[in-house]
Amino acid sequence: MRKLFFTLALVAGVALSSNAQEVGIRFGGVNGGGGAAIDGIFSLGQFSRVHADVGFFDSAVGIDALWDFLYRPLQVEKSTFHWYAGVGPSMTIGDNFWLGVSGELGIEYRFAGVPIALGADWRPTFWIIDDTRFGADSFGLNVRWVFGSASK
């Protein structure tokens, strides 16, 4: 119960104190481990954004900050489906410290008239520090609340 309260308080705090255009939860793989993460989108323009996550699992915290350099509609006119691809740093802080580079490939759907976005993504990661290895097992489902003009 404490973890749920802490997570909800953290999501509310992030939403109120940041310039995030979307805030929600990412279910599934978080840095190669299962669990859930606080998920946020920060726009950098029409076709670029930062997709950041903070995940809590076992005795560790995972952090991803991925630059989605491609963010495009699947159709030209007012599509609600978008696909994205990006890359950025990933780390896990716990009993061991892990640092790596993750890629991201995903798709999302925005509901017309409702400020909710649903998405699915794949995040392969090349770990550099504590051990050098490649992990391709990080899949996730995203549910985010869309704020302001980003919801239109």
N, C-alpha and C. Protein backbone atom coordinates (compact mmCIF):
# COMPACT_ATOMS: atom_id res chain seq x y z
N MET A 1 0.82 -1.20 0.00
CA MET A 1 0.00 0.00 0.00
C MET A 1 0.86 1.26 0.00
N ARG A 2 1.98 1.22 0.74
CA ARG A 2 2.88 2.38 0.78
C ARG A 2 3.45 2.68 -0.59
N LYS A 3 3.84 1.61 -1.33
CA LYS A 3 4.41 1.82 -2.66
C LYS A 3 3.39 2.46 -3.59
N LEU A 4 2.14 2.03 -3.52
CA LEU A 4 1.09 2.59 -4.36
C LEU A 4 0.88 4.06 -4.02
N PHE A 5 0.79 4.40 -2.74
CA PHE A 5 0.61 5.79 -2.33
C PHE A 5 1.80 6.63 -2.77
N PHE A 6 3.02 6.12 -2.58
CA PHE A 6 4.22 6.85 -2.99
C PHE A 6 4.22 7.08 -4.50
N THR A 7 3.87 6.07 -5.26
CA THR A 7 3.85 6.19 -6.72
C THR A 7 2.82 7.21 -7.17
N LEU A 8 1.61 7.17 -6.62
CA LEU A 8 0.58 8.14 -6.98
C LEU A 8 0.99 9.57 -6.59
N ALA A 9 1.59 9.72 -5.43
CA ALA A 9 2.05 11.05 -5.01
C ALA A 9 3.15 11.56 -5.94
N LEU A 10 4.04 10.67 -6.35
CA LEU A 10 5.12 11.06 -7.24
C LEU A 10 4.59 11.45 -8.61
N VAL A 11 3.63 10.69 -9.14
CA VAL A 11 3.02 11.02 -10.43
C VAL A 11 2.34 12.38 -10.35
N ALA A 12 1.59 12.64 -9.30
CA ALA A 12 0.92 13.92 -9.12
C ALA A 12 1.93 15.06 -9.02
N GLY A 13 3.00 14.84 -8.27
CA GLY A 13 4.03 15.87 -8.13
C GLY A 13 4.72 16.17 -9.45
N VAL A 14 5.04 15.15 -10.20
CA VAL A 14 5.67 15.35 -11.51
C VAL A 14 4.73 16.11 -12.43
N ALA A 15 3.48 15.74 -12.45
CA ALA A 15 2.50 16.38 -13.34
C ALA A 15 2.32 17.85 -12.99
N LEU A 16 2.30 18.17 -11.72
CA LEU A 16 2.05 19.55 -11.31
C LEU A 16 3.28 20.44 -11.38
N SER A 17 4.47 19.87 -11.24
CA SER A 17 5.67 20.71 -11.16
C SER A 17 6.52 20.72 -12.42
N SER A 18 6.15 19.99 -13.44
CA SER A 18 6.98 19.94 -14.64
C SER A 18 6.22 20.51 -15.83
N ASN A 19 6.91 20.57 -16.93
CA ASN A 19 6.29 21.00 -18.18
C ASN A 19 5.93 19.81 -19.04
N ALA A 20 5.64 18.70 -18.41
CA ALA A 20 5.32 17.48 -19.16
C ALA A 20 4.02 17.67 -19.93
N GLN A 21 4.00 17.14 -21.15
CA GLN A 21 2.78 17.16 -21.93
C GLN A 21 1.96 15.90 -21.68
N GLU A 22 2.60 14.84 -21.20
CA GLU A 22 1.91 13.59 -20.88
C GLU A 22 2.58 12.97 -19.65
N VAL A 23 1.77 12.45 -18.74
CA VAL A 23 2.29 11.74 -17.56
C VAL A 23 1.41 10.53 -17.32
N GLY A 24 2.05 9.41 -17.00
CA GLY A 24 1.29 8.20 -16.75
C GLY A 24 2.16 7.08 -16.22
N ILE A 25 1.80 5.85 -16.58
CA ILE A 25 2.50 4.67 -16.09
C ILE A 25 2.88 3.79 -17.27
N ARG A 26 4.08 3.22 -17.21
CA ARG A 26 4.55 2.25 -18.19
C ARG A 26 4.60 0.89 -17.50
N PHE A 27 3.84 -0.07 -18.01
CA PHE A 27 3.82 -1.42 -17.46
C PHE A 27 4.69 -2.32 -18.33
N GLY A 28 5.36 -3.26 -17.68
CA GLY A 28 6.16 -4.21 -18.44
C GLY A 28 7.63 -4.08 -18.11
N GLY A 29 8.45 -4.30 -19.10
CA GLY A 29 9.90 -4.27 -18.89
C GLY A 29 10.39 -2.89 -18.53
N VAL A 30 11.13 -2.81 -17.46
CA VAL A 30 11.77 -1.58 -17.02
C VAL A 30 13.24 -1.91 -16.87
N ASN A 31 14.06 -1.46 -17.81
CA ASN A 31 15.49 -1.77 -17.81
C ASN A 31 15.74 -3.28 -17.75
N GLY A 32 14.96 -4.04 -18.46
CA GLY A 32 15.14 -5.49 -18.51
C GLY A 32 14.45 -6.23 -17.38
N GLY A 33 13.91 -5.53 -16.38
CA GLY A 33 13.20 -6.18 -15.28
C GLY A 33 11.72 -5.89 -15.40
N GLY A 34 10.90 -6.71 -14.81
CA GLY A 34 9.46 -6.46 -14.85
C GLY A 34 9.08 -5.38 -13.86
N GLY A 35 7.91 -4.85 -14.01
CA GLY A 35 7.45 -3.86 -13.05
C GLY A 35 6.68 -2.74 -13.71
N ALA A 36 6.64 -1.61 -13.03
CA ALA A 36 5.94 -0.43 -13.53
C ALA A 36 6.83 0.77 -13.33
N ALA A 37 6.62 1.77 -14.16
CA ALA A 37 7.43 2.99 -14.09
C ALA A 37 6.53 4.20 -14.27
N ILE A 38 6.92 5.31 -13.69
CA ILE A 38 6.28 6.59 -13.96
C ILE A 38 6.80 7.04 -15.31
N ASP A 39 5.89 7.38 -16.20
CA ASP A 39 6.20 7.64 -17.61
C ASP A 39 5.85 9.08 -17.94
N GLY A 40 6.77 9.82 -18.56
CA GLY A 40 6.50 11.19 -18.92
C GLY A 40 7.00 11.54 -20.31
N ILE A 41 6.27 12.43 -20.97
CA ILE A 41 6.64 12.91 -22.29
C ILE A 41 6.85 14.42 -22.21
N PHE A 42 7.98 14.89 -22.74
CA PHE A 42 8.32 16.31 -22.76
C PHE A 42 8.58 16.69 -24.22
N SER A 43 7.73 17.52 -24.80
CA SER A 43 7.82 17.86 -26.22
C SER A 43 9.01 18.77 -26.50
N LEU A 44 9.67 18.51 -27.63
CA LEU A 44 10.77 19.35 -28.11
C LEU A 44 10.42 19.98 -29.45
N GLY A 45 9.18 19.87 -29.85
CA GLY A 45 8.73 20.38 -31.14
C GLY A 45 7.73 19.42 -31.73
N GLN A 46 7.36 19.66 -32.99
CA GLN A 46 6.32 18.86 -33.60
C GLN A 46 6.73 17.41 -33.79
N PHE A 47 7.99 17.14 -34.13
CA PHE A 47 8.41 15.78 -34.44
C PHE A 47 9.56 15.29 -33.58
N SER A 48 9.68 15.79 -32.35
CA SER A 48 10.76 15.39 -31.47
C SER A 48 10.30 15.55 -30.02
N ARG A 49 10.77 14.65 -29.14
CA ARG A 49 10.35 14.71 -27.74
C ARG A 49 11.30 13.89 -26.87
N VAL A 50 11.21 14.06 -25.56
CA VAL A 50 11.93 13.23 -24.60
C VAL A 50 10.90 12.33 -23.93
N HIS A 51 11.20 11.04 -23.88
CA HIS A 51 10.34 10.05 -23.25
C HIS A 51 11.12 9.52 -22.04
N ALA A 52 10.71 9.92 -20.84
CA ALA A 52 11.46 9.59 -19.62
C ALA A 52 10.64 8.70 -18.70
N ASP A 53 11.35 7.80 -18.00
CA ASP A 53 10.72 6.88 -17.06
C ASP A 53 11.54 6.78 -15.79
N VAL A 54 10.85 6.59 -14.68
CA VAL A 54 11.48 6.23 -13.40
C VAL A 54 10.72 5.02 -12.90
N GLY A 55 11.43 3.88 -12.79
CA GLY A 55 10.80 2.64 -12.40
C GLY A 55 11.31 2.13 -11.07
N PHE A 56 10.43 1.54 -10.28
CA PHE A 56 10.77 0.99 -8.98
C PHE A 56 10.50 -0.51 -9.01
N PHE A 57 11.54 -1.31 -8.80
CA PHE A 57 11.36 -2.75 -8.79
C PHE A 57 12.41 -3.38 -7.90
N ASP A 58 12.04 -4.50 -7.25
CA ASP A 58 12.91 -5.18 -6.30
C ASP A 58 13.55 -4.17 -5.36
N SER A 59 14.87 -4.12 -5.32
CA SER A 59 15.56 -3.17 -4.46
C SER A 59 16.32 -2.15 -5.30
N ALA A 60 15.78 -1.80 -6.46
CA ALA A 60 16.49 -0.90 -7.37
C ALA A 60 15.53 0.13 -7.97
N VAL A 61 16.13 1.18 -8.53
CA VAL A 61 15.41 2.22 -9.25
C VAL A 61 16.00 2.28 -10.66
N GLY A 62 15.15 2.24 -11.68
CA GLY A 62 15.60 2.35 -13.06
C GLY A 62 15.18 3.67 -13.65
N ILE A 63 16.08 4.31 -14.41
CA ILE A 63 15.82 5.62 -15.01
C ILE A 63 16.18 5.55 -16.49
N ASP A 64 15.26 5.98 -17.34
CA ASP A 64 15.49 6.11 -18.78
C ASP A 64 15.15 7.53 -19.20
N ALA A 65 15.94 8.11 -20.10
CA ALA A 65 15.65 9.42 -20.69
C ALA A 65 15.96 9.31 -22.17
N LEU A 66 14.94 9.03 -22.96
CA LEU A 66 15.14 8.71 -24.37
C LEU A 66 14.66 9.85 -25.26
N TRP A 67 15.49 10.24 -26.19
CA TRP A 67 15.14 11.27 -27.15
C TRP A 67 14.49 10.59 -28.35
N ASP A 68 13.19 10.80 -28.50
CA ASP A 68 12.46 10.27 -29.65
C ASP A 68 12.63 11.27 -30.79
N PHE A 69 13.62 11.01 -31.65
CA PHE A 69 13.92 11.94 -32.73
C PHE A 69 12.95 11.80 -33.90
N LEU A 70 12.20 10.72 -33.94
CA LEU A 70 11.13 10.56 -34.91
C LEU A 70 9.82 10.38 -34.15
N TYR A 71 8.84 11.20 -34.47
CA TYR A 71 7.52 11.10 -33.86
C TYR A 71 6.55 11.50 -34.95
N ARG A 72 6.01 10.54 -35.65
CA ARG A 72 5.23 10.82 -36.85
C ARG A 72 3.86 10.16 -36.81
N PRO A 73 2.86 10.82 -37.39
CA PRO A 73 1.56 10.17 -37.56
C PRO A 73 1.66 9.07 -38.61
N LEU A 74 0.84 8.04 -38.47
CA LEU A 74 0.82 6.97 -39.47
C LEU A 74 0.09 7.40 -40.74
N GLN A 75 -0.79 8.38 -40.64
CA GLN A 75 -1.46 8.96 -41.80
C GLN A 75 -1.16 10.44 -41.81
N VAL A 76 -1.33 11.08 -42.92
CA VAL A 76 -0.98 12.49 -43.04
C VAL A 76 -1.99 13.39 -42.34
N GLU A 77 -3.28 13.14 -42.50
CA GLU A 77 -4.32 14.03 -41.98
C GLU A 77 -4.84 13.59 -40.61
N LYS A 78 -4.58 14.36 -39.59
CA LYS A 78 -5.16 14.21 -38.25
C LYS A 78 -5.22 12.77 -37.75
N SER A 79 -4.13 12.06 -37.88
CA SER A 79 -4.08 10.68 -37.40
C SER A 79 -3.99 10.66 -35.88
N THR A 80 -4.63 9.69 -35.26
CA THR A 80 -4.51 9.52 -33.82
C THR A 80 -3.47 8.46 -33.49
N PHE A 81 -2.99 7.71 -34.49
CA PHE A 81 -1.89 6.77 -34.30
C PHE A 81 -0.58 7.47 -34.65
N HIS A 82 0.41 7.32 -33.80
CA HIS A 82 1.75 7.85 -34.05
C HIS A 82 2.77 6.75 -33.79
N TRP A 83 3.88 6.77 -34.53
CA TRP A 83 4.98 5.86 -34.26
C TRP A 83 6.19 6.71 -33.89
N TYR A 84 7.10 6.12 -33.16
CA TYR A 84 8.28 6.86 -32.73
C TYR A 84 9.48 5.94 -32.60
N ALA A 85 10.65 6.54 -32.76
CA ALA A 85 11.92 5.84 -32.61
C ALA A 85 12.87 6.78 -31.90
N GLY A 86 13.68 6.25 -30.99
CA GLY A 86 14.59 7.10 -30.25
C GLY A 86 15.72 6.33 -29.61
N VAL A 87 16.55 7.08 -28.89
CA VAL A 87 17.72 6.52 -28.23
C VAL A 87 18.08 7.41 -27.03
N GLY A 88 18.71 6.82 -26.01
CA GLY A 88 19.12 7.61 -24.86
C GLY A 88 19.70 6.76 -23.75
N PRO A 89 20.15 7.41 -22.68
CA PRO A 89 20.77 6.68 -21.58
C PRO A 89 19.75 5.97 -20.69
N SER A 90 20.19 4.84 -20.14
CA SER A 90 19.41 4.08 -19.16
C SER A 90 20.33 3.72 -18.00
N MET A 91 19.79 3.73 -16.81
CA MET A 91 20.58 3.30 -15.66
C MET A 91 19.70 2.64 -14.63
N THR A 92 20.34 1.78 -13.84
CA THR A 92 19.69 1.13 -12.72
C THR A 92 20.55 1.36 -11.50
N ILE A 93 19.94 1.86 -10.44
CA ILE A 93 20.64 2.13 -9.19
C ILE A 93 20.05 1.23 -8.13
N GLY A 94 20.89 0.39 -7.55
CA GLY A 94 20.44 -0.55 -6.53
C GLY A 94 21.66 -1.19 -5.89
N ASP A 95 21.60 -2.50 -5.65
CA ASP A 95 22.75 -3.21 -5.13
C ASP A 95 23.93 -3.07 -6.07
N ASN A 96 23.67 -3.09 -7.37
CA ASN A 96 24.66 -2.83 -8.39
C ASN A 96 24.25 -1.61 -9.19
N PHE A 97 25.21 -0.95 -9.81
CA PHE A 97 24.94 0.20 -10.67
C PHE A 97 25.12 -0.23 -12.11
N TRP A 98 24.09 0.00 -12.94
CA TRP A 98 24.14 -0.35 -14.35
C TRP A 98 23.94 0.92 -15.17
N LEU A 99 24.72 1.07 -16.23
CA LEU A 99 24.59 2.22 -17.13
C LEU A 99 24.67 1.71 -18.56
N GLY A 100 23.76 2.18 -19.40
CA GLY A 100 23.76 1.72 -20.77
C GLY A 100 23.05 2.69 -21.69
N VAL A 101 22.89 2.25 -22.94
CA VAL A 101 22.22 3.03 -23.97
C VAL A 101 21.04 2.19 -24.47
N SER A 102 19.86 2.80 -24.46
CA SER A 102 18.65 2.10 -24.91
C SER A 102 18.15 2.71 -26.21
N GLY A 103 17.61 1.86 -27.06
CA GLY A 103 16.86 2.31 -28.21
C GLY A 103 15.39 2.19 -27.90
N GLU A 104 14.56 2.80 -28.69
CA GLU A 104 13.12 2.71 -28.46
C GLU A 104 12.39 2.73 -29.79
N LEU A 105 11.46 1.83 -29.95
CA LEU A 105 10.59 1.79 -31.11
C LEU A 105 9.18 1.54 -30.60
N GLY A 106 8.25 2.44 -30.92
CA GLY A 106 6.91 2.29 -30.36
C GLY A 106 5.82 2.88 -31.22
N ILE A 107 4.60 2.63 -30.77
CA ILE A 107 3.40 3.15 -31.42
C ILE A 107 2.44 3.58 -30.31
N GLU A 108 1.67 4.66 -30.57
CA GLU A 108 0.69 5.10 -29.58
C GLU A 108 -0.59 5.55 -30.26
N TYR A 109 -1.66 5.52 -29.49
CA TYR A 109 -2.98 5.94 -29.94
C TYR A 109 -3.50 7.00 -28.99
N ARG A 110 -3.98 8.10 -29.54
CA ARG A 110 -4.61 9.15 -28.75
C ARG A 110 -6.10 9.16 -29.06
N PHE A 111 -6.89 9.15 -28.01
CA PHE A 111 -8.34 9.16 -28.16
C PHE A 111 -8.82 10.56 -28.51
N ALA A 112 -9.73 10.66 -29.46
CA ALA A 112 -10.31 11.95 -29.84
C ALA A 112 -11.25 12.40 -28.73
N GLY A 113 -11.06 13.61 -28.23
CA GLY A 113 -11.94 14.18 -27.22
C GLY A 113 -11.67 13.72 -25.80
N VAL A 114 -10.76 12.78 -25.60
CA VAL A 114 -10.41 12.29 -24.27
C VAL A 114 -8.89 12.41 -24.13
N PRO A 115 -8.40 13.05 -23.09
CA PRO A 115 -6.95 13.29 -22.98
C PRO A 115 -6.15 12.08 -22.47
N ILE A 116 -6.27 10.97 -23.19
CA ILE A 116 -5.55 9.75 -22.82
C ILE A 116 -4.79 9.22 -24.04
N ALA A 117 -3.56 8.78 -23.81
CA ALA A 117 -2.76 8.14 -24.85
C ALA A 117 -2.37 6.74 -24.37
N LEU A 118 -2.54 5.75 -25.24
CA LEU A 118 -2.12 4.37 -24.98
C LEU A 118 -1.00 4.04 -25.94
N GLY A 119 0.02 3.36 -25.44
CA GLY A 119 1.14 3.04 -26.31
C GLY A 119 1.77 1.71 -25.97
N ALA A 120 2.57 1.22 -26.91
CA ALA A 120 3.36 0.00 -26.72
C ALA A 120 4.73 0.28 -27.32
N ASP A 121 5.78 -0.17 -26.62
CA ASP A 121 7.12 0.07 -27.14
C ASP A 121 8.06 -1.09 -26.83
N TRP A 122 9.18 -1.08 -27.54
CA TRP A 122 10.26 -2.06 -27.36
C TRP A 122 11.53 -1.27 -27.12
N ARG A 123 12.28 -1.65 -26.06
CA ARG A 123 13.49 -0.93 -25.69
C ARG A 123 14.67 -1.88 -25.54
N PRO A 124 15.38 -2.16 -26.62
CA PRO A 124 16.61 -2.94 -26.48
C PRO A 124 17.69 -2.06 -25.83
N THR A 125 18.52 -2.67 -24.98
CA THR A 125 19.53 -1.90 -24.25
C THR A 125 20.89 -2.57 -24.35
N PHE A 126 21.90 -1.74 -24.61
CA PHE A 126 23.29 -2.19 -24.59
C PHE A 126 23.89 -1.67 -23.28
N TRP A 127 24.12 -2.59 -22.33
CA TRP A 127 24.65 -2.21 -21.02
C TRP A 127 26.18 -2.12 -21.11
N ILE A 128 26.73 -1.05 -20.56
CA ILE A 128 28.17 -0.80 -20.62
C ILE A 128 28.82 -0.99 -19.26
N ILE A 129 28.19 -0.46 -18.21
CA ILE A 129 28.73 -0.53 -16.85
C ILE A 129 27.74 -1.30 -16.02
N ASP A 130 27.95 -2.00 -15.28
CA ASP A 130 28.63 -2.93 -14.42
C ASP A 130 29.08 -4.16 -15.19
N ASP A 131 28.36 -4.51 -16.23
CA ASP A 131 28.72 -5.66 -17.06
C ASP A 131 28.33 -5.30 -18.49
N THR A 132 29.14 -5.67 -19.45
CA THR A 132 28.83 -5.38 -20.84
C THR A 132 27.97 -6.52 -21.40
N ARG A 133 26.74 -6.17 -21.79
CA ARG A 133 25.83 -7.15 -22.36
C ARG A 133 24.71 -6.43 -23.10
N PHE A 134 23.99 -7.18 -23.91
CA PHE A 134 22.87 -6.64 -24.68
C PHE A 134 21.58 -7.31 -24.21
N GLY A 135 20.55 -6.51 -23.97
CA GLY A 135 19.25 -7.04 -23.57
C GLY A 135 18.18 -6.56 -24.54
N ALA A 136 17.43 -7.48 -25.10
CA ALA A 136 16.37 -7.13 -26.05
C ALA A 136 15.00 -7.53 -25.52
N ASP A 137 14.87 -7.64 -24.19
CA ASP A 137 13.66 -8.18 -23.59
C ASP A 137 12.79 -7.14 -22.89
N SER A 138 12.94 -5.87 -23.21
CA SER A 138 12.19 -4.83 -22.52
C SER A 138 11.04 -4.33 -23.40
N PHE A 139 9.85 -4.87 -23.16
CA PHE A 139 8.63 -4.44 -23.85
C PHE A 139 7.73 -3.77 -22.82
N GLY A 140 6.99 -2.76 -23.24
CA GLY A 140 6.13 -2.07 -22.29
C GLY A 140 4.83 -1.58 -22.89
N LEU A 141 3.85 -1.40 -22.02
CA LEU A 141 2.57 -0.78 -22.36
C LEU A 141 2.46 0.51 -21.57
N ASN A 142 2.09 1.59 -22.25
CA ASN A 142 2.02 2.91 -21.63
C ASN A 142 0.58 3.41 -21.57
N VAL A 143 0.21 3.99 -20.45
CA VAL A 143 -1.07 4.68 -20.30
C VAL A 143 -0.73 6.05 -19.74
N ARG A 144 -1.05 7.10 -20.52
CA ARG A 144 -0.67 8.46 -20.10
C ARG A 144 -1.84 9.43 -20.23
N TRP A 145 -1.85 10.41 -19.32
CA TRP A 145 -2.79 11.52 -19.36
C TRP A 145 -2.13 12.62 -20.17
N VAL A 146 -2.85 13.20 -21.14
CA VAL A 146 -2.31 14.22 -22.04
C VAL A 146 -2.80 15.58 -21.55
N PHE A 147 -1.85 16.53 -21.35
CA PHE A 147 -2.17 17.85 -20.83
C PHE A 147 -2.30 18.90 -21.92
N GLY A 148 -3.09 19.92 -21.66
CA GLY A 148 -3.15 21.14 -22.46
C GLY A 148 -3.36 20.93 -23.94
N SER A 149 -2.65 21.74 -24.74
CA SER A 149 -2.83 21.72 -26.18
C SER A 149 -2.34 20.43 -26.81
N ALA A 150 -1.51 19.66 -26.07
CA ALA A 150 -1.04 18.37 -26.61
C ALA A 150 -2.18 17.37 -26.71
N SER A 151 -3.28 17.61 -26.00
CA SER A 151 -4.40 16.65 -26.02
C SER A 151 -5.34 16.89 -27.20
N LYS A 152 -5.13 17.94 -27.97
CA LYS A 152 -6.04 18.25 -29.08
C LYS A 152 -5.59 17.61 -30.36
